[in-house]
Amino acid sequence: MFLKKGLQVKIISGKDKGKTGEILEINRKLNTVKIKSISMIKRHTKPTKENKGGIISKESFIHQSNVKNLDTQKNDKKAVGKK
């Protein structure tokens, strides 16, 4: 599948099925992607001199087989592939 940073994708399986978002980061070694405001997790952090501690929400990685490319140039939301 052709994926790159900034593309619009749709989640096709998992707890966020049906949602769409933009790819923020790709891990090619593990075949995972991080999508904006999808698959949010809570991280508990200790306070340090630089950062205040607490509970932080952030995106986690999901497997690339659970996402589908969306064509942003067309409004009919067809899947696109590598040409």
Protein backbone atom coordinates (compact mmCIF):
# COMPACT_ATOMS: atom_id res chain seq x y z
CA MET A 1 0.00 0.00 0.00
CA PHE A 2 1.23 3.50 -0.82
CA LEU A 3 1.31 5.58 2.36
CA LYS A 4 3.13 8.80 3.08
CA LYS A 5 3.00 11.56 5.66
CA GLY A 6 0.12 13.99 5.18
CA LEU A 7 -2.24 11.65 3.28
CA GLN A 8 -5.89 11.31 4.31
CA VAL A 9 -6.82 7.77 5.36
CA LYS A 10 -9.91 5.98 6.64
CA ILE A 11 -9.85 3.41 9.46
CA ILE A 12 -11.43 0.12 8.30
CA SER A 13 -11.15 -1.94 11.50
CA GLY A 14 -10.72 -1.56 15.24
CA LYS A 15 -12.26 0.71 17.85
CA ASP A 16 -12.05 3.80 15.59
CA LYS A 17 -13.63 2.11 12.53
CA GLY A 18 -15.10 4.59 10.05
CA LYS A 19 -13.11 7.62 11.22
CA THR A 20 -10.80 9.55 8.91
CA GLY A 21 -7.60 11.41 9.64
CA GLU A 22 -4.21 12.57 8.42
CA ILE A 23 -1.05 10.48 8.74
CA LEU A 24 1.41 12.07 11.19
CA GLU A 25 4.15 9.44 11.32
CA ILE A 26 5.04 6.12 9.65
CA ASN A 27 7.13 3.27 11.07
CA ARG A 28 8.14 1.22 8.02
CA LYS A 29 10.00 -1.38 10.07
CA LEU A 30 6.88 -2.38 12.08
CA ASN A 31 4.37 -1.47 9.29
CA THR A 32 2.47 0.92 11.55
CA VAL A 33 1.13 4.46 11.16
CA LYS A 34 0.16 7.24 13.57
CA ILE A 35 -2.98 9.17 12.59
CA LYS A 36 -4.09 12.53 13.96
CA SER A 37 -6.64 12.15 16.83
CA ILE A 38 -7.14 8.40 16.16
CA SER A 39 -6.32 5.60 18.63
CA MET A 40 -5.76 7.97 21.56
CA ILE A 41 -4.05 6.58 24.67
CA LYS A 42 -3.46 8.08 28.11
CA ARG A 43 0.10 8.38 29.36
CA HIS A 44 0.86 8.97 33.07
CA THR A 45 4.01 11.04 33.52
CA LYS A 46 5.99 11.97 36.62
CA PRO A 47 6.76 15.63 37.21
CA THR A 48 10.26 16.81 36.31
CA LYS A 49 12.02 20.16 36.36
CA GLU A 50 11.03 20.83 32.74
CA ASN A 51 7.56 19.23 32.58
CA LYS A 52 4.59 19.24 34.86
CA GLY A 53 3.38 15.69 35.56
CA GLY A 54 -0.09 14.31 34.99
CA ILE A 55 -2.14 12.40 32.47
CA ILE A 56 -1.36 13.18 28.83
CA SER A 57 -3.47 12.00 25.87
CA LYS A 58 -1.59 11.19 22.68
CA GLU A 59 -1.94 9.13 19.50
CA SER A 60 -0.65 5.58 19.29
CA PHE A 61 0.38 3.55 16.26
CA ILE A 62 -2.01 1.25 14.39
CA HIS A 63 -1.15 -1.37 11.78
CA GLN A 64 -1.19 -0.18 8.16
CA SER A 65 -3.52 -3.03 7.15
CA ASN A 66 -6.27 -1.34 9.20
CA VAL A 67 -6.26 1.85 7.10
CA LYS A 68 -7.34 2.72 3.56
CA ASN A 69 -6.14 5.65 1.40
CA LEU A 70 -8.66 8.32 0.45
CA ASP A 71 -8.36 10.45 -2.65
CA THR A 72 -8.44 14.04 -1.39
CA GLN A 73 -8.72 15.56 -4.87
CA LYS A 74 -12.05 13.85 -5.58
CA ASN A 75 -15.00 14.15 -3.26
CA ASP A 76 -16.31 10.63 -3.93
CA LYS A 77 -13.72 9.14 -1.49
CA LYS A 78 -12.43 6.35 -3.73
CA ALA A 79 -9.41 4.31 -2.68
CA VAL A 80 -6.17 5.26 -4.44
CA GLY A 81 -3.10 3.19 -5.09
CA LYS A 82 0.48 3.67 -6.17
CA LYS A 83 0.83 4.60 -9.83
